[in-house]
Amino acid sequence: MSTPTSSSILVGLYDAFFLRAPDEAGYTSWVAKINAGTTLNSISKSFFDHPYASTTLGYAGMTLDAYVSAIYKNILNGTGGQVPTQPEIDYWKTYITN
């Protein structure tokens, strides 16, 4: 079932991967999928594989360091677009690969 936490994470995923808030139809569709048992990890993978994210924004051609940096900056853009330190990049690389 969709919770405020999973719903807010879904909005954050849109911001991180697509640099925008979800449109109503997309949000409603993904919430229904969450309610049906789709995991946020599966949704993240789907967002990464989306042509806009992988091709237009270039995520598919990035090194893992560059990808982590891009997503990190996208998420924190509202707080100054912080650039991650190497230990932060290394942490997230380990998280992603595990």
PDB file of N, CA and C in Angstrom:
ATOM      1  N   MET A   1       0.841  -1.184   0.000  1.00  0.00           N
ATOM      2  CA  MET A   1       0.000   0.000   0.000  1.00  0.00           C
ATOM      3  C   MET A   1       0.884   1.245   0.000  1.00  0.00           C
ATOM      4  N   SER A   2       0.457   2.244  -0.709  1.00  0.00           N
ATOM      5  CA  SER A   2       1.208   3.491  -0.756  1.00  0.00           C
ATOM      6  C   SER A   2       1.111   4.200   0.591  1.00  0.00           C
ATOM      7  N   THR A   3       2.247   4.637   1.071  1.00  0.00           N
ATOM      8  CA  THR A   3       2.292   5.374   2.328  1.00  0.00           C
ATOM      9  C   THR A   3       2.786   6.778   2.025  1.00  0.00           C
ATOM     10  N   PRO A   4       2.618   7.697   2.962  1.00  0.00           N
ATOM     11  CA  PRO A   4       3.195   9.024   2.719  1.00  0.00           C
ATOM     12  C   PRO A   4       4.685   8.944   2.412  1.00  0.00           C
ATOM     13  N   THR A   5       5.368   7.991   3.029  1.00  0.00           N
ATOM     14  CA  THR A   5       6.794   7.854   2.791  1.00  0.00           C
ATOM     15  C   THR A   5       7.063   7.410   1.356  1.00  0.00           C
ATOM     16  N   SER A   6       6.396   6.369   0.892  1.00  0.00           N
ATOM     17  CA  SER A   6       6.645   5.907  -0.475  1.00  0.00           C
ATOM     18  C   SER A   6       6.173   6.936  -1.489  1.00  0.00           C
ATOM     19  N   SER A   7       5.103   7.649  -1.187  1.00  0.00           N
ATOM     20  CA  SER A   7       4.628   8.698  -2.092  1.00  0.00           C
ATOM     21  C   SER A   7       5.629   9.836  -2.192  1.00  0.00           C
ATOM     22  N   SER A   8       6.189  10.240  -1.061  1.00  0.00           N
ATOM     23  CA  SER A   8       7.166  11.329  -1.096  1.00  0.00           C
ATOM     24  C   SER A   8       8.461  10.872  -1.758  1.00  0.00           C
ATOM     25  N   ILE A   9       8.820   9.612  -1.581  1.00  0.00           N
ATOM     26  CA  ILE A   9      10.005   9.083  -2.254  1.00  0.00           C
ATOM     27  C   ILE A   9       9.767   9.054  -3.755  1.00  0.00           C
ATOM     28  N   LEU A  10       8.565   8.693  -4.175  1.00  0.00           N
ATOM     29  CA  LEU A  10       8.226   8.695  -5.592  1.00  0.00           C
ATOM     30  C   LEU A  10       8.408  10.088  -6.192  1.00  0.00           C
ATOM     31  N   VAL A  11       7.938  11.100  -5.489  1.00  0.00           N
ATOM     32  CA  VAL A  11       8.114  12.487  -5.960  1.00  0.00           C
ATOM     33  C   VAL A  11       9.601  12.820  -6.038  1.00  0.00           C
ATOM     34  N   GLY A  12      10.363  12.381  -5.052  1.00  0.00           N
ATOM     35  CA  GLY A  12      11.804  12.606  -5.062  1.00  0.00           C
ATOM     36  C   GLY A  12      12.498  11.903  -6.220  1.00  0.00           C
ATOM     37  N   LEU A  13      12.026  10.702  -6.566  1.00  0.00           N
ATOM     38  CA  LEU A  13      12.603   9.990  -7.700  1.00  0.00           C
ATOM     39  C   LEU A  13      12.366  10.745  -9.006  1.00  0.00           C
ATOM     40  N   TYR A  14      11.166  11.272  -9.166  1.00  0.00           N
ATOM     41  CA  TYR A  14      10.892  12.090 -10.354  1.00  0.00           C
ATOM     42  C   TYR A  14      11.868  13.254 -10.425  1.00  0.00           C
ATOM     43  N   ASP A  15      12.048  13.932  -9.310  1.00  0.00           N
ATOM     44  CA  ASP A  15      12.948  15.082  -9.273  1.00  0.00           C
ATOM     45  C   ASP A  15      14.381  14.671  -9.579  1.00  0.00           C
ATOM     46  N   ALA A  16      14.818  13.565  -8.991  1.00  0.00           N
ATOM     47  CA  ALA A  16      16.189  13.105  -9.174  1.00  0.00           C
ATOM     48  C   ALA A  16      16.464  12.644 -10.600  1.00  0.00           C
ATOM     49  N   PHE A  17      15.530  11.899 -11.185  1.00  0.00           N
ATOM     50  CA  PHE A  17      15.762  11.322 -12.503  1.00  0.00           C
ATOM     51  C   PHE A  17      15.346  12.226 -13.659  1.00  0.00           C
ATOM     52  N   PHE A  18      14.276  12.986 -13.466  1.00  0.00           N
ATOM     53  CA  PHE A  18      13.715  13.765 -14.576  1.00  0.00           C
ATOM     54  C   PHE A  18      13.779  15.274 -14.370  1.00  0.00           C
ATOM     55  N   LEU A  19      14.283  15.699 -13.204  1.00  0.00           N
ATOM     56  CA  LEU A  19      14.444  17.122 -12.890  1.00  0.00           C
ATOM     57  C   LEU A  19      13.111  17.867 -12.886  1.00  0.00           C
ATOM     58  N   ARG A  20      12.069  17.176 -12.453  1.00  0.00           N
ATOM     59  CA  ARG A  20      10.742  17.797 -12.397  1.00  0.00           C
ATOM     60  C   ARG A  20       9.843  17.011 -11.450  1.00  0.00           C
ATOM     61  N   ALA A  21       8.743  17.651 -11.084  1.00  0.00           N
ATOM     62  CA  ALA A  21       7.716  16.968 -10.307  1.00  0.00           C
ATOM     63  C   ALA A  21       6.927  16.050 -11.241  1.00  0.00           C
ATOM     64  N   PRO A  22       6.313  15.006 -10.708  1.00  0.00           N
ATOM     65  CA  PRO A  22       5.517  14.128 -11.566  1.00  0.00           C
ATOM     66  C   PRO A  22       4.244  14.818 -12.043  1.00  0.00           C
ATOM     67  N   ASP A  23       3.833  14.477 -13.268  1.00  0.00           N
ATOM     68  CA  ASP A  23       2.521  14.925 -13.721  1.00  0.00           C
ATOM     69  C   ASP A  23       1.476  14.048 -13.018  1.00  0.00           C
ATOM     70  N   GLU A  24       0.254  14.510 -12.969  1.00  0.00           N
ATOM     71  CA  GLU A  24      -0.783  13.803 -12.207  1.00  0.00           C
ATOM     72  C   GLU A  24      -0.988  12.373 -12.707  1.00  0.00           C
ATOM     73  N   ALA A  25      -1.033  12.191 -14.021  1.00  0.00           N
ATOM     74  CA  ALA A  25      -1.281  10.850 -14.569  1.00  0.00           C
ATOM     75  C   ALA A  25      -0.140   9.887 -14.222  1.00  0.00           C
ATOM     76  N   GLY A  26       1.097  10.350 -14.362  1.00  0.00           N
ATOM     77  CA  GLY A  26       2.234   9.504 -14.034  1.00  0.00           C
ATOM     78  C   GLY A  26       2.284   9.165 -12.560  1.00  0.00           C
ATOM     79  N   TYR A  27       2.048  10.165 -11.738  1.00  0.00           N
ATOM     80  CA  TYR A  27       2.055   9.948 -10.284  1.00  0.00           C
ATOM     81  C   TYR A  27       0.985   8.926  -9.904  1.00  0.00           C
ATOM     82  N   THR A  28      -0.230   9.121 -10.419  1.00  0.00           N
ATOM     83  CA  THR A  28      -1.343   8.219 -10.100  1.00  0.00           C
ATOM     84  C   THR A  28      -1.033   6.793 -10.547  1.00  0.00           C
ATOM     85  N   SER A  29      -0.443   6.664 -11.725  1.00  0.00           N
ATOM     86  CA  SER A  29      -0.095   5.350 -12.248  1.00  0.00           C
ATOM     87  C   SER A  29       0.943   4.650 -11.374  1.00  0.00           C
ATOM     88  N   TRP A  30       1.978   5.384 -10.975  1.00  0.00           N
ATOM     89  CA  TRP A  30       3.020   4.768 -10.147  1.00  0.00           C
ATOM     90  C   TRP A  30       2.518   4.451  -8.748  1.00  0.00           C
ATOM     91  N   VAL A  31       1.670   5.295  -8.186  1.00  0.00           N
ATOM     92  CA  VAL A  31       1.098   4.988  -6.866  1.00  0.00           C
ATOM     93  C   VAL A  31       0.277   3.705  -6.951  1.00  0.00           C
ATOM     94  N   ALA A  32      -0.483   3.532  -8.028  1.00  0.00           N
ATOM     95  CA  ALA A  32      -1.256   2.295  -8.205  1.00  0.00           C
ATOM     96  C   ALA A  32      -0.321   1.090  -8.275  1.00  0.00           C
ATOM     97  N   LYS A  33       0.821   1.256  -8.942  1.00  0.00           N
ATOM     98  CA  LYS A  33       1.787   0.155  -9.031  1.00  0.00           C
ATOM     99  C   LYS A  33       2.409  -0.141  -7.667  1.00  0.00           C
ATOM    100  N   ILE A  34       2.688   0.912  -6.889  1.00  0.00           N
ATOM    101  CA  ILE A  34       3.192   0.707  -5.527  1.00  0.00           C
ATOM    102  C   ILE A  34       2.158  -0.055  -4.709  1.00  0.00           C
ATOM    103  N   ASN A  35       0.911   0.346  -4.832  1.00  0.00           N
ATOM    104  CA  ASN A  35      -0.169  -0.329  -4.100  1.00  0.00           C
ATOM    105  C   ASN A  35      -0.312  -1.793  -4.513  1.00  0.00           C
ATOM    106  N   ALA A  36       0.078  -2.102  -5.755  1.00  0.00           N
ATOM    107  CA  ALA A  36      -0.005  -3.472  -6.255  1.00  0.00           C
ATOM    108  C   ALA A  36       1.255  -4.280  -5.938  1.00  0.00           C
ATOM    109  N   GLY A  37       2.245  -3.633  -5.304  1.00  0.00           N
ATOM    110  CA  GLY A  37       3.427  -4.367  -4.876  1.00  0.00           C
ATOM    111  C   GLY A  37       4.726  -4.021  -5.582  1.00  0.00           C
ATOM    112  N   THR A  38       4.703  -3.103  -6.538  1.00  0.00           N
ATOM    113  CA  THR A  38       5.940  -2.697  -7.199  1.00  0.00           C
ATOM    114  C   THR A  38       6.819  -1.967  -6.190  1.00  0.00           C
ATOM    115  N   THR A  39       8.089  -2.324  -6.151  1.00  0.00           N
ATOM    116  CA  THR A  39       9.001  -1.705  -5.188  1.00  0.00           C
ATOM    117  C   THR A  39       9.553  -0.388  -5.722  1.00  0.00           C
ATOM    118  N   LEU A  40       9.988   0.443  -4.807  1.00  0.00           N
ATOM    119  CA  LEU A  40      10.630   1.701  -5.200  1.00  0.00           C
ATOM    120  C   LEU A  40      11.931   1.434  -5.946  1.00  0.00           C
ATOM    121  N   ASN A  41      12.610   0.328  -5.627  1.00  0.00           N
ATOM    122  CA  ASN A  41      13.818  -0.030  -6.375  1.00  0.00           C
ATOM    123  C   ASN A  41      13.480  -0.331  -7.829  1.00  0.00           C
ATOM    124  N   SER A  42      12.366  -1.032  -8.068  1.00  0.00           N
ATOM    125  CA  SER A  42      11.937  -1.322  -9.441  1.00  0.00           C
ATOM    126  C   SER A  42      11.578  -0.043 -10.182  1.00  0.00           C
ATOM    127  N   ILE A  43      10.926   0.859  -9.472  1.00  0.00           N
ATOM    128  CA  ILE A  43      10.561   2.142 -10.085  1.00  0.00           C
ATOM    129  C   ILE A  43      11.820   2.929 -10.421  1.00  0.00           C
ATOM    130  N   SER A  44      12.803   2.939  -9.533  1.00  0.00           N
ATOM    131  CA  SER A  44      14.069   3.624  -9.801  1.00  0.00           C
ATOM    132  C   SER A  44      14.732   3.067 -11.054  1.00  0.00           C
ATOM    133  N   LYS A  45      14.745   1.749 -11.176  1.00  0.00           N
ATOM    134  CA  LYS A  45      15.335   1.110 -12.356  1.00  0.00           C
ATOM    135  C   LYS A  45      14.573   1.512 -13.613  1.00  0.00           C
ATOM    136  N   SER A  46      13.261   1.544 -13.523  1.00  0.00           N
ATOM    137  CA  SER A  46      12.441   1.948 -14.663  1.00  0.00           C
ATOM    138  C   SER A  46      12.725   3.391 -15.063  1.00  0.00           C
ATOM    139  N   PHE A  47      12.872   4.266 -14.075  1.00  0.00           N
ATOM    140  CA  PHE A  47      13.185   5.662 -14.355  1.00  0.00           C
ATOM    141  C   PHE A  47      14.561   5.776 -15.008  1.00  0.00           C
ATOM    142  N   PHE A  48      15.535   5.039 -14.507  1.00  0.00           N
ATOM    143  CA  PHE A  48      16.882   5.062 -15.074  1.00  0.00           C
ATOM    144  C   PHE A  48      16.860   4.611 -16.526  1.00  0.00           C
ATOM    145  N   ASP A  49      16.058   3.583 -16.825  1.00  0.00           N
ATOM    146  CA  ASP A  49      15.985   3.021 -18.175  1.00  0.00           C
ATOM    147  C   ASP A  49      15.136   3.852 -19.130  1.00  0.00           C
ATOM    148  N   HIS A  50      14.380   4.794 -18.608  1.00  0.00           N
ATOM    149  CA  HIS A  50      13.518   5.624 -19.458  1.00  0.00           C
ATOM    150  C   HIS A  50      14.394   6.386 -20.456  1.00  0.00           C
ATOM    151  N   PRO A  51      13.966   6.452 -21.736  1.00  0.00           N
ATOM    152  CA  PRO A  51      14.787   7.136 -22.749  1.00  0.00           C
ATOM    153  C   PRO A  51      15.166   8.574 -22.387  1.00  0.00           C
ATOM    154  N   TYR A  52      14.281   9.306 -21.740  1.00  0.00           N
ATOM    155  CA  TYR A  52      14.608  10.688 -21.384  1.00  0.00           C
ATOM    156  C   TYR A  52      15.783  10.731 -20.413  1.00  0.00           C
ATOM    157  N   ALA A  53      15.723   9.866 -19.398  1.00  0.00           N
ATOM    158  CA  ALA A  53      16.797   9.860 -18.406  1.00  0.00           C
ATOM    159  C   ALA A  53      18.080   9.272 -18.974  1.00  0.00           C
ATOM    160  N   SER A  54      17.959   8.148 -19.662  1.00  0.00           N
ATOM    161  CA  SER A  54      19.166   7.469 -20.129  1.00  0.00           C
ATOM    162  C   SER A  54      19.823   8.169 -21.309  1.00  0.00           C
ATOM    163  N   THR A  55      19.024   8.716 -22.224  1.00  0.00           N
ATOM    164  CA  THR A  55      19.582   9.323 -23.427  1.00  0.00           C
ATOM    165  C   THR A  55      19.655  10.839 -23.340  1.00  0.00           C
ATOM    166  N   THR A  56      18.507  11.478 -23.107  1.00  0.00           N
ATOM    167  CA  THR A  56      18.467  12.941 -23.112  1.00  0.00           C
ATOM    168  C   THR A  56      19.326  13.519 -21.988  1.00  0.00           C
ATOM    169  N   LEU A  57      19.187  12.979 -20.790  1.00  0.00           N
ATOM    170  CA  LEU A  57      19.997  13.473 -19.678  1.00  0.00           C
ATOM    171  C   LEU A  57      21.353  12.774 -19.609  1.00  0.00           C
ATOM    172  N   GLY A  58      21.529  11.703 -20.386  1.00  0.00           N
ATOM    173  CA  GLY A  58      22.824  11.050 -20.517  1.00  0.00           C
ATOM    174  C   GLY A  58      23.227  10.096 -19.422  1.00  0.00           C
ATOM    175  N   TYR A  59      22.299   9.658 -18.573  1.00  0.00           N
ATOM    176  CA  TYR A  59      22.676   8.774 -17.473  1.00  0.00           C
ATOM    177  C   TYR A  59      23.295   7.475 -17.968  1.00  0.00           C
ATOM    178  N   ALA A  60      22.803   6.938 -19.084  1.00  0.00           N
ATOM    179  CA  ALA A  60      23.279   5.640 -19.559  1.00  0.00           C
ATOM    180  C   ALA A  60      24.758   5.670 -19.931  1.00  0.00           C
ATOM    181  N   GLY A  61      25.275   6.805 -20.381  1.00  0.00           N
ATOM    182  CA  GLY A  61      26.666   6.886 -20.794  1.00  0.00           C
ATOM    183  C   GLY A  61      27.625   7.329 -19.710  1.00  0.00           C
ATOM    184  N   MET A  62      27.122   7.537 -18.512  1.00  0.00           N
ATOM    185  CA  MET A  62      27.963   8.050 -17.432  1.00  0.00           C
ATOM    186  C   MET A  62      28.700   6.937 -16.701  1.00  0.00           C
ATOM    187  N   THR A  63      29.863   7.290 -16.183  1.00  0.00           N
ATOM    188  CA  THR A  63      30.516   6.400 -15.232  1.00  0.00           C
ATOM    189  C   THR A  63      29.661   6.386 -13.964  1.00  0.00           C
ATOM    190  N   LEU A  64      29.893   5.412 -13.118  1.00  0.00           N
ATOM    191  CA  LEU A  64      29.124   5.356 -11.877  1.00  0.00           C
ATOM    192  C   LEU A  64      29.400   6.580 -11.010  1.00  0.00           C
ATOM    193  N   ASP A  65      30.643   7.060 -10.990  1.00  0.00           N
ATOM    194  CA  ASP A  65      30.956   8.274 -10.227  1.00  0.00           C
ATOM    195  C   ASP A  65      30.154   9.469 -10.745  1.00  0.00           C
ATOM    196  N   ALA A  66      30.129   9.637 -12.067  1.00  0.00           N
ATOM    197  CA  ALA A  66      29.397  10.762 -12.661  1.00  0.00           C
ATOM    198  C   ALA A  66      27.896  10.630 -12.425  1.00  0.00           C
ATOM    199  N   TYR A  67      27.381   9.406 -12.516  1.00  0.00           N
ATOM    200  CA  TYR A  67      25.955   9.164 -12.288  1.00  0.00           C
ATOM    201  C   TYR A  67      25.573   9.522 -10.849  1.00  0.00           C
ATOM    202  N   VAL A  68      26.333   9.025  -9.895  1.00  0.00           N
ATOM    203  CA  VAL A  68      26.060   9.332  -8.485  1.00  0.00           C
ATOM    204  C   VAL A  68      26.126  10.835  -8.262  1.00  0.00           C
ATOM    205  N   SER A  69      27.107  11.500  -8.819  1.00  0.00           N
ATOM    206  CA  SER A  69      27.237  12.953  -8.672  1.00  0.00           C
ATOM    207  C   SER A  69      26.031  13.679  -9.268  1.00  0.00           C
ATOM    208  N   ALA A  70      25.586  13.252 -10.443  1.00  0.00           N
ATOM    209  CA  ALA A  70      24.449  13.897 -11.100  1.00  0.00           C
ATOM    210  C   ALA A  70      23.172  13.742 -10.279  1.00  0.00           C
ATOM    211  N   ILE A  71      22.888  12.530  -9.838  1.00  0.00           N
ATOM    212  CA  ILE A  71      21.671  12.294  -9.048  1.00  0.00           C
ATOM    213  C   ILE A  71      21.764  13.040  -7.720  1.00  0.00           C
ATOM    214  N   TYR A  72      22.927  13.008  -7.106  1.00  0.00           N
ATOM    215  CA  TYR A  72      23.150  13.710  -5.843  1.00  0.00           C
ATOM    216  C   TYR A  72      22.840  15.192  -6.003  1.00  0.00           C
ATOM    217  N   LYS A  73      23.390  15.798  -7.061  1.00  0.00           N
ATOM    218  CA  LYS A  73      23.157  17.231  -7.295  1.00  0.00           C
ATOM    219  C   LYS A  73      21.687  17.496  -7.636  1.00  0.00           C
ATOM    220  N   ASN A  74      21.054  16.612  -8.395  1.00  0.00           N
ATOM    221  CA  ASN A  74      19.640  16.785  -8.728  1.00  0.00           C
ATOM    222  C   ASN A  74      18.778  16.799  -7.477  1.00  0.00           C
ATOM    223  N   ILE A  75      19.042  15.880  -6.571  1.00  0.00           N
ATOM    224  CA  ILE A  75      18.241  15.778  -5.354  1.00  0.00           C
ATOM    225  C   ILE A  75      18.490  16.972  -4.445  1.00  0.00           C
ATOM    226  N   LEU A  76      19.726  17.403  -4.347  1.00  0.00           N
ATOM    227  CA  LEU A  76      20.061  18.488  -3.429  1.00  0.00           C
ATOM    228  C   LEU A  76      20.037  19.863  -4.084  1.00  0.00           C
ATOM    229  N   ASN A  77      19.589  19.943  -5.330  1.00  0.00           N
ATOM    230  CA  ASN A  77      19.577  21.211  -6.035  1.00  0.00           C
ATOM    231  C   ASN A  77      18.833  22.294  -5.269  1.00  0.00           C
ATOM    232  N   GLY A  78      17.743  21.903  -4.631  1.00  0.00           N
ATOM    233  CA  GLY A  78      16.970  22.876  -3.861  1.00  0.00           C
ATOM    234  C   GLY A  78      17.711  23.388  -2.641  1.00  0.00           C
ATOM    235  N   THR A  79      18.784  22.698  -2.249  1.00  0.00           N
ATOM    236  CA  THR A  79      19.559  23.143  -1.100  1.00  0.00           C
ATOM    237  C   THR A  79      20.930  23.643  -1.520  1.00  0.00           C
ATOM    238  N   GLY A  80      21.023  24.109  -2.755  1.00  0.00           N
ATOM    239  CA  GLY A  80      22.266  24.697  -3.212  1.00  0.00           C
ATOM    240  C   GLY A  80      23.019  23.877  -4.231  1.00  0.00           C
ATOM    241  N   GLY A  81      22.439  22.761  -4.702  1.00  0.00           N
ATOM    242  CA  GLY A  81      23.109  21.947  -5.708  1.00  0.00           C
ATOM    243  C   GLY A  81      24.464  21.451  -5.270  1.00  0.00           C
ATOM    244  N   GLN A  82      24.519  20.941  -4.060  1.00  0.00           N
ATOM    245  CA  GLN A  82      25.790  20.522  -3.486  1.00  0.00           C
ATOM    246  C   GLN A  82      26.468  19.450  -4.328  1.00  0.00           C
ATOM    247  N   VAL A  83      27.769  19.531  -4.401  1.00  0.00           N
ATOM    248  CA  VAL A  83      28.580  18.534  -5.085  1.00  0.00           C
ATOM    249  C   VAL A  83      29.035  17.529  -4.035  1.00  0.00           C
ATOM    250  N   PRO A  84      28.857  16.234  -4.315  1.00  0.00           N
ATOM    251  CA  PRO A  84      29.256  15.244  -3.310  1.00  0.00           C
ATOM    252  C   PRO A  84      30.772  15.122  -3.198  1.00  0.00           C
ATOM    253  N   THR A  85      31.204  14.779  -2.008  1.00  0.00           N
ATOM    254  CA  THR A  85      32.621  14.496  -1.786  1.00  0.00           C
ATOM    255  C   THR A  85      32.897  13.074  -2.265  1.00  0.00           C
ATOM    256  N   GLN A  86      34.159  12.723  -2.448  1.00  0.00           N
ATOM    257  CA  GLN A  86      34.488  11.370  -2.895  1.00  0.00           C
ATOM    258  C   GLN A  86      33.999  10.303  -1.909  1.00  0.00           C
ATOM    259  N   PRO A  87      34.123  10.499  -0.578  1.00  0.00           N
ATOM    260  CA  PRO A  87      33.570   9.491   0.332  1.00  0.00           C
ATOM    261  C   PRO A  87      32.048   9.312   0.157  1.00  0.00           C
ATOM    262  N   GLU A  88      31.326  10.394  -0.130  1.00  0.00           N
ATOM    263  CA  GLU A  88      29.887  10.281  -0.362  1.00  0.00           C
ATOM    264  C   GLU A  88      29.612   9.518  -1.659  1.00  0.00           C
ATOM    265  N   ILE A  89      30.383   9.812  -2.691  1.00  0.00           N
ATOM    266  CA  ILE A  89      30.242   9.075  -3.952  1.00  0.00           C
ATOM    267  C   ILE A  89      30.530   7.591  -3.724  1.00  0.00           C
ATOM    268  N   ASP A  90      31.598   7.308  -3.006  1.00  0.00           N
ATOM    269  CA  ASP A  90      31.967   5.917  -2.742  1.00  0.00           C
ATOM    270  C   ASP A  90      30.880   5.191  -1.955  1.00  0.00           C
ATOM    271  N   TYR A  91      30.282   5.871  -0.991  1.00  0.00           N
ATOM    272  CA  TYR A  91      29.197   5.273  -0.207  1.00  0.00           C
ATOM    273  C   TYR A  91      28.045   4.860  -1.123  1.00  0.00           C
ATOM    274  N   TRP A  92      27.609   5.790  -1.980  1.00  0.00           N
ATOM    275  CA  TRP A  92      26.468   5.511  -2.849  1.00  0.00           C
ATOM    276  C   TRP A  92      26.809   4.501  -3.929  1.00  0.00           C
ATOM    277  N   LYS A  93      28.034   4.483  -4.405  1.00  0.00           N
ATOM    278  CA  LYS A  93      28.443   3.467  -5.372  1.00  0.00           C
ATOM    279  C   LYS A  93      28.341   2.084  -4.742  1.00  0.00           C
ATOM    280  N   THR A  94      28.802   1.962  -3.511  1.00  0.00           N
ATOM    281  CA  THR A  94      28.698   0.682  -2.800  1.00  0.00           C
ATOM    282  C   THR A  94      27.241   0.297  -2.612  1.00  0.00           C
ATOM    283  N   TYR A  95      26.419   1.259  -2.233  1.00  0.00           N
ATOM    284  CA  TYR A  95      24.985   1.005  -2.037  1.00  0.00           C
ATOM    285  C   TYR A  95      24.338   0.520  -3.336  1.00  0.00           C
ATOM    286  N   ILE A  96      24.637   1.201  -4.440  1.00  0.00           N
ATOM    287  CA  ILE A  96      24.041   0.846  -5.726  1.00  0.00           C
ATOM    288  C   ILE A  96      24.487  -0.537  -6.182  1.00  0.00           C
ATOM    289  N   THR A  97      25.761  -0.840  -6.045  1.00  0.00           N
ATOM    290  CA  THR A  97      26.267  -2.121  -6.537  1.00  0.00           C
ATOM    291  C   THR A  97      25.874  -3.289  -5.652  1.00  0.00           C
ATOM    292  N   ASN A  98      25.530  -3.013  -4.416  1.00  0.00           N
ATOM    293  CA  ASN A  98      25.078  -4.095  -3.531  1.00  0.00           C
ATOM    294  C   ASN A  98      23.585  -4.241  -3.607  1.00  0.00           C
TER     295      ASN A  98
END
